Amino acid sequence: MESGAYGAAKAGGSFSFESFLRRPETVLRVASAVFAIIVFACILTDGYPSDRQGQVFCIFGGNADACRYGIGIGVIAFFACGIFLSLDVYFPNLSNSSHRKYIVQSDFGFSALWSFLWFVGFCFLAHQWSIELPEPPLTGQSNARAAIAFSFFSILSWVPLALLAYKRYRMGVADFNPNYVDPSQDTTPPYSSYPDAVTDNYQQPPFTNNPDAGDGYKPPLY
């Protein structure tokens, strides 16, 4: 059975926390979660200054959509990293290859999508930051630059995650055995049936006395 499919070394094996921490996927997911926290925390903390009239506005060119976008993809990325880290812990003990396939496909699809969304977010935030406001905020500029910088760093962490997930998917496809048949579903008899004496023309072994068969010998008469 394909116990090593889709990147799991051995289904049912013991979990090693030290080996888990050294996996590239683990390092990249932790880094992606930290970058996401920095992005949405910086925007939530200093991304909404107020002008002289007390009106709150987004620090990125006064465009509230830019702030909402950065917060949204950052929060979702953080929770997604936690979910996929949990699945990574459970993945080696998952013996069902179909479930493994769905997890790896989800990992690849989400990582590729969030790589693109972080690229869009970086371009969006950088462009809006370049727009001069009528009243430049006195505080929050460093946090705004940090949000832009870590949006770019997030691209560098999510793209390798997508590539690693795609590599795991290709490994699973290569290891898949299309001729494998589940023993519980196999209808082929394990051994051939005993030959039947009638249907298989069973013959008696040679040199067997048959009292009914005449051999031409007659006892002498007295």
N, C-alpha and C. Protein backbone atom coordinates (compact mmCIF):
# COMPACT_ATOMS: atom_id res chain seq x y z
N MET A 1 0.84 -1.20 0.00
CA MET A 1 0.00 0.00 0.00
C MET A 1 0.88 1.24 0.00
N GLU A 2 0.40 2.35 -0.48
CA GLU A 2 1.18 3.56 -0.65
C GLU A 2 1.27 4.35 0.65
N SER A 3 1.98 3.75 1.62
CA SER A 3 2.05 4.38 2.94
C SER A 3 2.90 5.63 2.93
N GLY A 4 3.77 5.80 1.93
CA GLY A 4 4.62 6.97 1.89
C GLY A 4 4.16 8.02 0.91
N ALA A 5 2.92 7.94 0.45
CA ALA A 5 2.45 8.84 -0.60
C ALA A 5 2.30 10.26 -0.08
N TYR A 6 2.51 11.21 -0.98
CA TYR A 6 2.31 12.64 -0.74
C TYR A 6 3.20 13.19 0.36
N GLY A 7 4.41 12.65 0.45
CA GLY A 7 5.41 13.27 1.31
C GLY A 7 5.48 12.77 2.72
N ALA A 8 4.61 11.83 3.14
CA ALA A 8 4.69 11.27 4.49
C ALA A 8 5.67 10.12 4.48
N ALA A 9 6.64 10.17 5.36
CA ALA A 9 7.68 9.15 5.34
C ALA A 9 7.15 7.77 5.67
N LYS A 10 6.28 7.68 6.65
CA LYS A 10 5.77 6.37 7.07
C LYS A 10 4.48 6.57 7.83
N ALA A 11 3.40 6.04 7.27
CA ALA A 11 2.11 6.17 7.94
C ALA A 11 2.11 5.36 9.22
N GLY A 12 1.60 5.96 10.29
CA GLY A 12 1.54 5.26 11.56
C GLY A 12 2.82 5.33 12.35
N GLY A 13 3.83 6.06 11.86
CA GLY A 13 5.08 6.15 12.58
C GLY A 13 4.97 7.09 13.77
N SER A 14 6.01 7.04 14.62
CA SER A 14 6.02 7.87 15.81
C SER A 14 6.34 9.31 15.44
N PHE A 15 5.77 10.24 16.20
CA PHE A 15 5.94 11.67 15.93
C PHE A 15 7.17 12.18 16.66
N SER A 16 8.04 12.86 15.93
CA SER A 16 9.24 13.47 16.50
C SER A 16 9.08 14.97 16.43
N PHE A 17 9.00 15.60 17.59
CA PHE A 17 8.81 17.06 17.64
C PHE A 17 10.04 17.78 17.10
N GLU A 18 11.22 17.24 17.39
CA GLU A 18 12.44 17.88 16.90
C GLU A 18 12.51 17.83 15.37
N SER A 19 12.18 16.68 14.78
CA SER A 19 12.18 16.58 13.32
C SER A 19 11.10 17.45 12.71
N PHE A 20 9.98 17.57 13.40
CA PHE A 20 8.89 18.40 12.90
C PHE A 20 9.31 19.87 12.83
N LEU A 21 10.03 20.34 13.85
CA LEU A 21 10.47 21.73 13.87
C LEU A 21 11.51 22.02 12.79
N ARG A 22 12.24 21.00 12.36
CA ARG A 22 13.27 21.19 11.35
C ARG A 22 12.74 21.14 9.92
N ARG A 23 11.49 20.73 9.75
CA ARG A 23 10.93 20.64 8.40
C ARG A 23 10.84 22.03 7.78
N PRO A 24 11.16 22.14 6.48
CA PRO A 24 11.04 23.45 5.82
C PRO A 24 9.63 24.01 5.87
N GLU A 25 8.61 23.13 5.76
CA GLU A 25 7.24 23.60 5.83
C GLU A 25 6.93 24.24 7.17
N THR A 26 7.45 23.65 8.25
CA THR A 26 7.18 24.20 9.58
C THR A 26 7.82 25.58 9.74
N VAL A 27 9.07 25.69 9.32
CA VAL A 27 9.78 26.98 9.43
C VAL A 27 9.06 28.05 8.62
N LEU A 28 8.65 27.72 7.40
CA LEU A 28 7.99 28.70 6.54
C LEU A 28 6.62 29.07 7.07
N ARG A 29 5.89 28.12 7.63
CA ARG A 29 4.56 28.44 8.16
C ARG A 29 4.66 29.35 9.39
N VAL A 30 5.62 29.07 10.25
CA VAL A 30 5.81 29.92 11.42
C VAL A 30 6.21 31.33 10.99
N ALA A 31 7.12 31.41 10.02
CA ALA A 31 7.53 32.71 9.52
C ALA A 31 6.35 33.45 8.87
N SER A 32 5.55 32.73 8.11
CA SER A 32 4.39 33.36 7.47
C SER A 32 3.39 33.87 8.50
N ALA A 33 3.21 33.10 9.58
CA ALA A 33 2.29 33.54 10.64
C ALA A 33 2.81 34.79 11.33
N VAL A 34 4.12 34.84 11.59
CA VAL A 34 4.71 36.02 12.24
C VAL A 34 4.60 37.24 11.33
N PHE A 35 4.87 37.06 10.04
CA PHE A 35 4.76 38.19 9.11
C PHE A 35 3.32 38.71 9.04
N ALA A 36 2.36 37.78 9.04
CA ALA A 36 0.96 38.18 8.99
C ALA A 36 0.56 38.98 10.23
N ILE A 37 1.04 38.54 11.38
CA ILE A 37 0.73 39.26 12.62
C ILE A 37 1.27 40.69 12.55
N ILE A 38 2.50 40.82 12.06
CA ILE A 38 3.11 42.15 11.99
C ILE A 38 2.31 43.06 11.07
N VAL A 39 1.86 42.51 9.93
CA VAL A 39 1.14 43.34 8.97
C VAL A 39 -0.16 43.86 9.56
N PHE A 40 -1.02 42.93 10.03
CA PHE A 40 -2.32 43.44 10.50
C PHE A 40 -2.22 44.14 11.85
N ALA A 41 -1.21 43.80 12.66
CA ALA A 41 -1.05 44.51 13.93
C ALA A 41 -0.58 45.95 13.70
N CYS A 42 0.31 46.13 12.75
CA CYS A 42 0.78 47.50 12.45
C CYS A 42 -0.36 48.37 11.93
N ILE A 43 -1.20 47.78 11.07
CA ILE A 43 -2.31 48.56 10.52
C ILE A 43 -3.36 48.85 11.59
N LEU A 44 -3.66 47.86 12.42
CA LEU A 44 -4.65 48.09 13.47
C LEU A 44 -4.15 49.08 14.51
N THR A 45 -2.84 49.09 14.76
CA THR A 45 -2.31 49.96 15.81
C THR A 45 -2.23 51.42 15.37
N ASP A 46 -1.59 51.66 14.22
CA ASP A 46 -1.36 53.03 13.78
C ASP A 46 -1.85 53.29 12.36
N GLY A 47 -2.69 52.43 11.86
CA GLY A 47 -3.14 52.61 10.48
C GLY A 47 -4.33 53.55 10.33
N TYR A 48 -4.91 53.98 11.44
CA TYR A 48 -6.10 54.86 11.38
C TYR A 48 -5.88 56.10 12.24
N PRO A 49 -5.03 57.03 11.80
CA PRO A 49 -4.87 58.28 12.55
C PRO A 49 -6.07 59.20 12.32
N SER A 50 -6.11 60.27 13.03
CA SER A 50 -7.20 61.25 12.90
C SER A 50 -6.63 62.60 12.48
N ASP A 51 -7.43 63.34 11.75
CA ASP A 51 -7.00 64.66 11.31
C ASP A 51 -7.34 65.71 12.39
N ARG A 52 -7.20 66.97 12.03
CA ARG A 52 -7.43 68.05 13.00
C ARG A 52 -8.89 68.16 13.40
N GLN A 53 -9.76 67.73 12.52
CA GLN A 53 -11.19 67.74 12.85
C GLN A 53 -11.62 66.49 13.61
N GLY A 54 -10.69 65.60 13.86
CA GLY A 54 -11.02 64.39 14.60
C GLY A 54 -11.56 63.26 13.74
N GLN A 55 -11.48 63.43 12.42
CA GLN A 55 -11.95 62.38 11.52
C GLN A 55 -10.85 61.33 11.33
N VAL A 56 -11.24 60.08 11.48
CA VAL A 56 -10.29 58.96 11.32
C VAL A 56 -10.18 58.60 9.84
N PHE A 57 -8.96 58.38 9.38
CA PHE A 57 -8.73 58.00 7.98
C PHE A 57 -7.63 56.95 7.93
N CYS A 58 -7.56 56.25 6.80
CA CYS A 58 -6.53 55.23 6.62
C CYS A 58 -5.21 55.91 6.27
N ILE A 59 -4.15 55.42 6.85
CA ILE A 59 -2.85 56.05 6.65
C ILE A 59 -2.31 55.82 5.25
N PHE A 60 -2.84 54.82 4.56
CA PHE A 60 -2.38 54.52 3.21
C PHE A 60 -3.20 55.32 2.18
N GLY A 61 -2.81 56.58 2.03
CA GLY A 61 -3.45 57.43 1.05
C GLY A 61 -4.89 57.77 1.35
N GLY A 62 -5.32 57.56 2.58
CA GLY A 62 -6.71 57.83 2.93
C GLY A 62 -7.69 56.82 2.36
N ASN A 63 -7.19 55.71 1.80
CA ASN A 63 -8.04 54.68 1.19
C ASN A 63 -8.33 53.60 2.23
N ALA A 64 -9.56 53.58 2.70
CA ALA A 64 -9.91 52.60 3.73
C ALA A 64 -9.82 51.17 3.21
N ASP A 65 -9.99 50.97 1.90
CA ASP A 65 -9.89 49.61 1.34
C ASP A 65 -8.49 49.05 1.50
N ALA A 66 -7.47 49.90 1.44
CA ALA A 66 -6.10 49.43 1.61
C ALA A 66 -5.88 48.88 3.02
N CYS A 67 -6.39 49.59 4.00
CA CYS A 67 -6.26 49.10 5.37
C CYS A 67 -7.04 47.82 5.59
N ARG A 68 -8.25 47.78 5.07
CA ARG A 68 -9.07 46.58 5.25
C ARG A 68 -8.44 45.38 4.53
N TYR A 69 -7.86 45.63 3.38
CA TYR A 69 -7.23 44.54 2.63
C TYR A 69 -6.05 43.97 3.41
N GLY A 70 -5.18 44.82 3.91
CA GLY A 70 -4.03 44.34 4.66
C GLY A 70 -4.43 43.57 5.92
N ILE A 71 -5.43 44.09 6.62
CA ILE A 71 -5.89 43.40 7.83
C ILE A 71 -6.53 42.07 7.47
N GLY A 72 -7.35 42.05 6.43
CA GLY A 72 -8.08 40.84 6.06
C GLY A 72 -7.17 39.69 5.67
N ILE A 73 -6.26 39.93 4.74
CA ILE A 73 -5.40 38.83 4.30
C ILE A 73 -4.41 38.43 5.39
N GLY A 74 -4.05 39.38 6.26
CA GLY A 74 -3.15 39.04 7.35
C GLY A 74 -3.80 38.13 8.37
N VAL A 75 -5.04 38.45 8.76
CA VAL A 75 -5.74 37.63 9.75
C VAL A 75 -6.01 36.23 9.20
N ILE A 76 -6.48 36.15 7.96
CA ILE A 76 -6.77 34.84 7.36
C ILE A 76 -5.49 34.02 7.22
N ALA A 77 -4.39 34.67 6.82
CA ALA A 77 -3.12 33.96 6.68
C ALA A 77 -2.65 33.41 8.02
N PHE A 78 -2.84 34.18 9.08
CA PHE A 78 -2.41 33.71 10.41
C PHE A 78 -3.18 32.45 10.83
N PHE A 79 -4.49 32.46 10.69
CA PHE A 79 -5.28 31.29 11.08
C PHE A 79 -5.01 30.11 10.15
N ALA A 80 -4.77 30.39 8.87
CA ALA A 80 -4.48 29.31 7.93
C ALA A 80 -3.16 28.62 8.29
N CYS A 81 -2.19 29.38 8.71
CA CYS A 81 -0.91 28.78 9.12
C CYS A 81 -1.11 27.85 10.32
N GLY A 82 -1.94 28.26 11.26
CA GLY A 82 -2.22 27.40 12.40
C GLY A 82 -2.92 26.12 12.00
N ILE A 83 -3.87 26.21 11.07
CA ILE A 83 -4.60 25.02 10.61
C ILE A 83 -3.66 24.06 9.89
N PHE A 84 -2.84 24.59 8.99
CA PHE A 84 -1.94 23.71 8.23
C PHE A 84 -0.84 23.14 9.11
N LEU A 85 -0.42 23.86 10.13
CA LEU A 85 0.54 23.29 11.08
C LEU A 85 -0.08 22.10 11.82
N SER A 86 -1.34 22.23 12.20
CA SER A 86 -2.03 21.11 12.85
C SER A 86 -2.16 19.91 11.91
N LEU A 87 -2.46 20.18 10.66
CA LEU A 87 -2.55 19.09 9.68
C LEU A 87 -1.19 18.45 9.43
N ASP A 88 -0.11 19.23 9.49
CA ASP A 88 1.22 18.67 9.33
C ASP A 88 1.57 17.70 10.45
N VAL A 89 1.08 17.98 11.65
CA VAL A 89 1.32 17.07 12.78
C VAL A 89 0.55 15.77 12.57
N TYR A 90 -0.65 15.86 12.08
CA TYR A 90 -1.52 14.70 11.91
C TYR A 90 -1.21 13.92 10.63
N PHE A 91 -0.58 14.57 9.66
CA PHE A 91 -0.41 14.01 8.32
C PHE A 91 0.36 12.69 8.30
N PRO A 92 1.49 12.52 9.01
CA PRO A 92 2.23 11.25 8.94
C PRO A 92 1.44 10.05 9.43
N ASN A 93 0.47 10.25 10.30
CA ASN A 93 -0.32 9.14 10.83
C ASN A 93 -1.58 8.88 10.03
N LEU A 94 -1.74 9.59 8.91
CA LEU A 94 -2.93 9.43 8.07
C LEU A 94 -2.64 8.39 7.01
N SER A 95 -3.32 7.23 7.09
CA SER A 95 -3.06 6.12 6.17
C SER A 95 -3.89 6.20 4.90
N ASN A 96 -4.96 6.97 4.91
CA ASN A 96 -5.82 7.07 3.74
C ASN A 96 -5.18 8.01 2.72
N SER A 97 -4.80 7.45 1.56
CA SER A 97 -4.11 8.25 0.55
C SER A 97 -5.01 9.32 -0.06
N SER A 98 -6.31 9.08 -0.11
CA SER A 98 -7.23 10.08 -0.66
C SER A 98 -7.27 11.31 0.24
N HIS A 99 -7.31 11.10 1.55
CA HIS A 99 -7.32 12.23 2.48
C HIS A 99 -6.01 13.01 2.40
N ARG A 100 -4.90 12.29 2.25
CA ARG A 100 -3.61 12.96 2.08
C ARG A 100 -3.62 13.83 0.82
N LYS A 101 -4.18 13.27 -0.23
CA LYS A 101 -4.22 14.01 -1.49
C LYS A 101 -5.00 15.30 -1.35
N TYR A 102 -6.15 15.26 -0.65
CA TYR A 102 -6.96 16.45 -0.47
C TYR A 102 -6.23 17.49 0.37
N ILE A 103 -5.50 17.05 1.38
CA ILE A 103 -4.76 17.99 2.24
C ILE A 103 -3.65 18.67 1.44
N VAL A 104 -2.91 17.89 0.67
CA VAL A 104 -1.80 18.45 -0.12
C VAL A 104 -2.34 19.39 -1.19
N GLN A 105 -3.44 19.03 -1.84
CA GLN A 105 -4.04 19.91 -2.84
C GLN A 105 -4.52 21.21 -2.21
N SER A 106 -5.13 21.12 -1.02
CA SER A 106 -5.58 22.33 -0.33
C SER A 106 -4.39 23.21 0.05
N ASP A 107 -3.33 22.58 0.51
CA ASP A 107 -2.12 23.33 0.87
C ASP A 107 -1.56 24.05 -0.34
N PHE A 108 -1.47 23.34 -1.46
CA PHE A 108 -0.92 23.97 -2.67
C PHE A 108 -1.82 25.10 -3.17
N GLY A 109 -3.14 24.85 -3.21
CA GLY A 109 -4.06 25.88 -3.71
C GLY A 109 -4.06 27.12 -2.85
N PHE A 110 -4.10 26.93 -1.52
CA PHE A 110 -4.14 28.09 -0.63
C PHE A 110 -2.81 28.85 -0.66
N SER A 111 -1.70 28.12 -0.65
CA SER A 111 -0.39 28.79 -0.66
C SER A 111 -0.19 29.58 -1.94
N ALA A 112 -0.59 29.00 -3.06
CA ALA A 112 -0.45 29.72 -4.33
C ALA A 112 -1.34 30.96 -4.36
N LEU A 113 -2.58 30.81 -3.86
CA LEU A 113 -3.49 31.95 -3.84
C LEU A 113 -2.98 33.05 -2.94
N TRP A 114 -2.49 32.69 -1.76
CA TRP A 114 -2.03 33.73 -0.83
C TRP A 114 -0.72 34.33 -1.26
N SER A 115 0.09 33.63 -2.03
CA SER A 115 1.27 34.25 -2.63
C SER A 115 0.85 35.38 -3.56
N PHE A 116 -0.18 35.11 -4.34
CA PHE A 116 -0.68 36.14 -5.26
C PHE A 116 -1.33 37.30 -4.50
N LEU A 117 -2.13 36.97 -3.46
CA LEU A 117 -2.80 38.04 -2.71
C LEU A 117 -1.80 38.91 -1.95
N TRP A 118 -0.72 38.31 -1.44
CA TRP A 118 0.28 39.12 -0.77
C TRP A 118 1.02 40.02 -1.77
N PHE A 119 1.21 39.51 -2.99
CA PHE A 119 1.83 40.35 -4.02
C PHE A 119 0.93 41.54 -4.35
N VAL A 120 -0.36 41.26 -4.49
CA VAL A 120 -1.32 42.35 -4.74
C VAL A 120 -1.33 43.32 -3.56
N GLY A 121 -1.32 42.76 -2.35
CA GLY A 121 -1.33 43.61 -1.16
C GLY A 121 -0.10 44.50 -1.06
N PHE A 122 1.04 43.94 -1.38
CA PHE A 122 2.28 44.74 -1.34
C PHE A 122 2.21 45.90 -2.33
N CYS A 123 1.78 45.58 -3.56
CA CYS A 123 1.67 46.64 -4.58
C CYS A 123 0.62 47.67 -4.19
N PHE A 124 -0.49 47.19 -3.64
CA PHE A 124 -1.58 48.09 -3.27
C PHE A 124 -1.16 49.02 -2.15
N LEU A 125 -0.57 48.47 -1.10
CA LEU A 125 -0.17 49.29 0.04
C LEU A 125 0.96 50.25 -0.35
N ALA A 126 1.92 49.76 -1.15
CA ALA A 126 3.02 50.64 -1.55
C ALA A 126 2.53 51.80 -2.42
N HIS A 127 1.59 51.51 -3.31
CA HIS A 127 1.05 52.58 -4.16
C HIS A 127 0.27 53.60 -3.33
N GLN A 128 -0.56 53.11 -2.42
CA GLN A 128 -1.36 54.04 -1.62
C GLN A 128 -0.48 54.85 -0.66
N TRP A 129 0.63 54.25 -0.23
CA TRP A 129 1.54 54.98 0.67
C TRP A 129 2.24 56.12 -0.06
N SER A 130 2.41 55.95 -1.37
CA SER A 130 3.09 56.99 -2.15
C SER A 130 2.21 58.21 -2.40
N ILE A 131 0.91 58.07 -2.13
CA ILE A 131 -0.01 59.19 -2.33
C ILE A 131 0.10 60.15 -1.14
N GLU A 132 0.33 61.41 -1.42
CA GLU A 132 0.48 62.39 -0.35
C GLU A 132 -0.88 62.79 0.20
N LEU A 133 -0.97 62.81 1.50
CA LEU A 133 -2.20 63.21 2.17
C LEU A 133 -2.20 64.72 2.42
N PRO A 134 -3.38 65.35 2.47
CA PRO A 134 -3.42 66.79 2.79
C PRO A 134 -2.80 67.09 4.14
N GLU A 135 -3.03 66.19 5.08
CA GLU A 135 -2.45 66.35 6.41
C GLU A 135 -1.67 65.09 6.75
N PRO A 136 -0.37 65.06 6.51
CA PRO A 136 0.41 63.86 6.82
C PRO A 136 0.32 63.53 8.31
N PRO A 137 0.11 62.25 8.66
CA PRO A 137 -0.01 61.89 10.07
C PRO A 137 1.31 62.08 10.80
N LEU A 138 1.20 62.47 12.04
CA LEU A 138 2.40 62.69 12.84
C LEU A 138 2.98 61.39 13.35
N THR A 139 2.16 60.38 13.52
CA THR A 139 2.63 59.08 14.02
C THR A 139 2.13 57.98 13.08
N GLY A 140 2.73 56.80 13.24
CA GLY A 140 2.28 55.63 12.49
C GLY A 140 3.00 55.40 11.19
N GLN A 141 3.91 56.32 10.80
CA GLN A 141 4.59 56.12 9.52
C GLN A 141 5.52 54.92 9.54
N SER A 142 6.19 54.69 10.64
CA SER A 142 7.09 53.53 10.72
C SER A 142 6.32 52.22 10.65
N ASN A 143 5.15 52.18 11.32
CA ASN A 143 4.34 50.98 11.26
C ASN A 143 3.77 50.75 9.86
N ALA A 144 3.46 51.82 9.16
CA ALA A 144 2.97 51.68 7.80
C ALA A 144 4.05 51.10 6.89
N ARG A 145 5.27 51.59 7.06
CA ARG A 145 6.38 51.03 6.26
C ARG A 145 6.65 49.58 6.64
N ALA A 146 6.50 49.25 7.90
CA ALA A 146 6.70 47.85 8.32
C ALA A 146 5.64 46.95 7.71
N ALA A 147 4.41 47.43 7.63
CA ALA A 147 3.35 46.63 7.02
C ALA A 147 3.65 46.37 5.55
N ILE A 148 4.17 47.37 4.85
CA ILE A 148 4.53 47.18 3.45
C ILE A 148 5.69 46.21 3.31
N ALA A 149 6.70 46.36 4.17
CA ALA A 149 7.88 45.50 4.08
C ALA A 149 7.52 44.04 4.35
N PHE A 150 6.72 43.79 5.38
CA PHE A 150 6.41 42.41 5.72
C PHE A 150 5.35 41.82 4.80
N SER A 151 4.65 42.67 4.07
CA SER A 151 3.82 42.14 2.98
C SER A 151 4.70 41.54 1.90
N PHE A 152 5.81 42.21 1.62
CA PHE A 152 6.76 41.67 0.65
C PHE A 152 7.42 40.40 1.18
N PHE A 153 7.79 40.38 2.46
CA PHE A 153 8.40 39.18 3.04
C PHE A 153 7.43 38.00 3.02
N SER A 154 6.15 38.29 3.13
CA SER A 154 5.15 37.22 3.09
C SER A 154 5.12 36.54 1.73
N ILE A 155 5.38 37.31 0.67
CA ILE A 155 5.46 36.69 -0.65
C ILE A 155 6.59 35.67 -0.67
N LEU A 156 7.72 36.03 -0.07
CA LEU A 156 8.89 35.16 -0.07
C LEU A 156 8.70 33.91 0.78
N SER A 157 7.73 33.91 1.68
CA SER A 157 7.48 32.72 2.50
C SER A 157 6.36 31.85 1.93
N TRP A 158 5.38 32.46 1.29
CA TRP A 158 4.26 31.68 0.76
C TRP A 158 4.59 31.01 -0.57
N VAL A 159 5.42 31.62 -1.38
CA VAL A 159 5.80 30.99 -2.65
C VAL A 159 6.53 29.67 -2.42
N PRO A 160 7.54 29.60 -1.54
CA PRO A 160 8.15 28.29 -1.27
C PRO A 160 7.17 27.27 -0.70
N LEU A 161 6.21 27.71 0.10
CA LEU A 161 5.21 26.78 0.61
C LEU A 161 4.40 26.17 -0.53
N ALA A 162 4.05 27.00 -1.51
CA ALA A 162 3.32 26.48 -2.67
C ALA A 162 4.17 25.49 -3.45
N LEU A 163 5.45 25.78 -3.62
CA LEU A 163 6.34 24.88 -4.36
C LEU A 163 6.53 23.57 -3.62
N LEU A 164 6.68 23.62 -2.31
CA LEU A 164 6.83 22.39 -1.52
C LEU A 164 5.56 21.54 -1.57
N ALA A 165 4.41 22.19 -1.51
CA ALA A 165 3.15 21.45 -1.60
C ALA A 165 3.01 20.80 -2.97
N TYR A 166 3.41 21.52 -4.02
CA TYR A 166 3.34 20.93 -5.36
C TYR A 166 4.30 19.76 -5.49
N LYS A 167 5.46 19.86 -4.88
CA LYS A 167 6.41 18.75 -4.91
C LYS A 167 5.85 17.53 -4.18
N ARG A 168 5.20 17.75 -3.05
CA ARG A 168 4.57 16.64 -2.32
C ARG A 168 3.45 16.01 -3.15
N TYR A 169 2.72 16.84 -3.87
CA TYR A 169 1.65 16.30 -4.72
C TYR A 169 2.23 15.44 -5.84
N ARG A 170 3.30 15.90 -6.46
CA ARG A 170 3.93 15.12 -7.53
C ARG A 170 4.51 13.82 -6.99
N MET A 171 5.03 13.84 -5.78
CA MET A 171 5.53 12.61 -5.17
C MET A 171 4.40 11.61 -4.98
N GLY A 172 3.24 12.10 -4.56
CA GLY A 172 2.10 11.20 -4.37
C GLY A 172 1.62 10.61 -5.67
N VAL A 173 1.62 11.41 -6.74
CA VAL A 173 1.20 10.90 -8.04
C VAL A 173 2.17 9.84 -8.54
N ALA A 174 3.48 10.08 -8.32
CA ALA A 174 4.49 9.12 -8.78
C ALA A 174 4.44 7.82 -8.00
N ASP A 175 4.10 7.90 -6.69
CA ASP A 175 4.07 6.70 -5.86
C ASP A 175 2.76 5.95 -5.95
N PHE A 176 1.77 6.54 -6.62
CA PHE A 176 0.46 5.89 -6.68
C PHE A 176 0.52 4.64 -7.55
N ASN A 177 -0.02 3.52 -7.06
CA ASN A 177 -0.04 2.25 -7.77
C ASN A 177 -1.44 1.99 -8.28
N PRO A 178 -1.70 2.15 -9.59
CA PRO A 178 -3.07 1.96 -10.09
C PRO A 178 -3.53 0.52 -10.05
N ASN A 179 -2.59 -0.44 -9.92
CA ASN A 179 -2.95 -1.86 -9.91
C ASN A 179 -3.23 -2.38 -8.51
N TYR A 180 -3.12 -1.49 -7.52
CA TYR A 180 -3.37 -1.95 -6.15
C TYR A 180 -4.85 -2.24 -5.94
N VAL A 181 -5.14 -3.38 -5.31
CA VAL A 181 -6.51 -3.78 -5.01
C VAL A 181 -6.61 -4.02 -3.52
N ASP A 182 -7.58 -3.40 -2.91
CA ASP A 182 -7.82 -3.60 -1.49
C ASP A 182 -8.16 -5.06 -1.24
N PRO A 183 -7.44 -5.75 -0.32
CA PRO A 183 -7.74 -7.17 -0.08
C PRO A 183 -9.18 -7.41 0.33
N SER A 184 -9.79 -6.45 1.03
CA SER A 184 -11.17 -6.65 1.45
C SER A 184 -12.15 -6.59 0.29
N GLN A 185 -11.70 -5.97 -0.85
CA GLN A 185 -12.57 -5.85 -2.01
C GLN A 185 -12.19 -6.81 -3.13
N ASP A 186 -11.15 -7.62 -2.93
CA ASP A 186 -10.69 -8.53 -3.97
C ASP A 186 -11.60 -9.75 -4.03
N THR A 187 -12.17 -9.99 -5.21
CA THR A 187 -13.09 -11.12 -5.40
C THR A 187 -12.40 -12.33 -6.01
N THR A 188 -11.12 -12.25 -6.33
CA THR A 188 -10.40 -13.38 -6.91
C THR A 188 -10.17 -14.44 -5.85
N PRO A 189 -10.49 -15.72 -6.11
CA PRO A 189 -10.29 -16.76 -5.10
C PRO A 189 -8.81 -16.92 -4.79
N PRO A 190 -8.44 -17.13 -3.53
CA PRO A 190 -7.03 -17.23 -3.17
C PRO A 190 -6.36 -18.48 -3.71
N TYR A 191 -7.12 -19.52 -4.06
CA TYR A 191 -6.52 -20.74 -4.60
C TYR A 191 -7.54 -21.39 -5.53
N SER A 192 -7.04 -22.21 -6.42
CA SER A 192 -7.92 -22.90 -7.36
C SER A 192 -8.69 -23.99 -6.66
N SER A 193 -9.88 -24.24 -7.13
CA SER A 193 -10.74 -25.25 -6.50
C SER A 193 -10.22 -26.65 -6.77
N TYR A 194 -10.59 -27.59 -5.90
CA TYR A 194 -10.16 -28.97 -6.05
C TYR A 194 -10.84 -29.55 -7.28
N PRO A 195 -10.12 -30.27 -8.12
CA PRO A 195 -10.74 -30.80 -9.35
C PRO A 195 -11.88 -31.75 -9.04
N ASP A 196 -12.94 -31.58 -9.78
CA ASP A 196 -14.12 -32.42 -9.60
C ASP A 196 -13.97 -33.69 -10.43
N ALA A 197 -14.38 -34.78 -9.86
CA ALA A 197 -14.20 -36.08 -10.51
C ALA A 197 -15.05 -36.21 -11.75
N VAL A 198 -16.16 -35.49 -11.83
CA VAL A 198 -17.05 -35.63 -12.97
C VAL A 198 -16.70 -34.64 -14.07
N THR A 199 -16.58 -33.34 -13.68
CA THR A 199 -16.39 -32.31 -14.70
C THR A 199 -14.97 -32.27 -15.23
N ASP A 200 -13.98 -32.68 -14.45
CA ASP A 200 -12.59 -32.59 -14.88
C ASP A 200 -12.06 -33.91 -15.41
N ASN A 201 -12.97 -34.93 -15.69
CA ASN A 201 -12.55 -36.21 -16.24
C ASN A 201 -11.47 -36.86 -15.38
N TYR A 202 -11.77 -36.89 -14.10
CA TYR A 202 -10.80 -37.47 -13.17
C TYR A 202 -10.64 -38.96 -13.46
N GLN A 203 -9.39 -39.45 -13.56
CA GLN A 203 -9.09 -40.84 -13.85
C GLN A 203 -8.50 -41.51 -12.64
N GLN A 204 -8.79 -42.75 -12.49
CA GLN A 204 -8.22 -43.51 -11.40
C GLN A 204 -6.74 -43.75 -11.65
N PRO A 205 -5.97 -43.85 -10.62
CA PRO A 205 -4.54 -44.13 -10.81
C PRO A 205 -4.33 -45.52 -11.39
N PRO A 206 -3.23 -45.76 -12.05
CA PRO A 206 -2.96 -47.10 -12.62
C PRO A 206 -2.76 -48.15 -11.54
N PHE A 207 -2.85 -49.40 -11.99
CA PHE A 207 -2.64 -50.55 -11.11
C PHE A 207 -3.66 -50.62 -9.99
N THR A 208 -4.88 -50.18 -10.27
CA THR A 208 -5.95 -50.27 -9.28
C THR A 208 -6.87 -51.41 -9.68
N ASN A 209 -7.08 -52.33 -8.77
CA ASN A 209 -7.92 -53.49 -9.05
C ASN A 209 -9.37 -53.07 -9.17
N ASN A 210 -9.98 -53.51 -10.22
CA ASN A 210 -11.39 -53.22 -10.43
C ASN A 210 -12.12 -54.55 -10.59
N PRO A 211 -12.88 -54.93 -9.59
CA PRO A 211 -13.52 -56.27 -9.65
C PRO A 211 -14.55 -56.37 -10.74
N ASP A 212 -15.04 -55.23 -11.24
CA ASP A 212 -16.07 -55.29 -12.26
C ASP A 212 -15.53 -55.37 -13.67
N ALA A 213 -14.26 -55.08 -13.83
CA ALA A 213 -13.69 -55.07 -15.17
C ALA A 213 -13.14 -56.44 -15.52
N GLY A 214 -13.52 -57.02 -16.62
CA GLY A 214 -13.05 -58.34 -17.03
C GLY A 214 -11.72 -58.28 -17.72
N ASP A 215 -10.78 -59.20 -17.35
CA ASP A 215 -9.46 -59.18 -17.95
C ASP A 215 -9.20 -60.44 -18.81
N GLY A 216 -10.31 -61.25 -19.07
CA GLY A 216 -10.16 -62.44 -19.92
C GLY A 216 -9.74 -63.71 -19.17
N TYR A 217 -9.47 -63.63 -17.92
CA TYR A 217 -9.03 -64.83 -17.15
C TYR A 217 -10.26 -65.53 -16.58
N LYS A 218 -10.28 -66.88 -16.70
CA LYS A 218 -11.35 -67.70 -16.16
C LYS A 218 -10.75 -68.77 -15.26
N PRO A 219 -11.33 -69.00 -14.09
CA PRO A 219 -10.79 -70.02 -13.19
C PRO A 219 -11.00 -71.43 -13.81
N PRO A 220 -10.12 -72.37 -13.55
CA PRO A 220 -10.28 -73.75 -14.11
C PRO A 220 -11.49 -74.45 -13.50
N LEU A 221 -12.12 -75.30 -14.29
CA LEU A 221 -13.26 -76.10 -13.86
C LEU A 221 -12.80 -77.50 -13.47
N TYR A 222 -13.24 -77.99 -12.36
CA TYR A 222 -12.93 -79.33 -11.88
C TYR A 222 -14.18 -80.20 -12.02
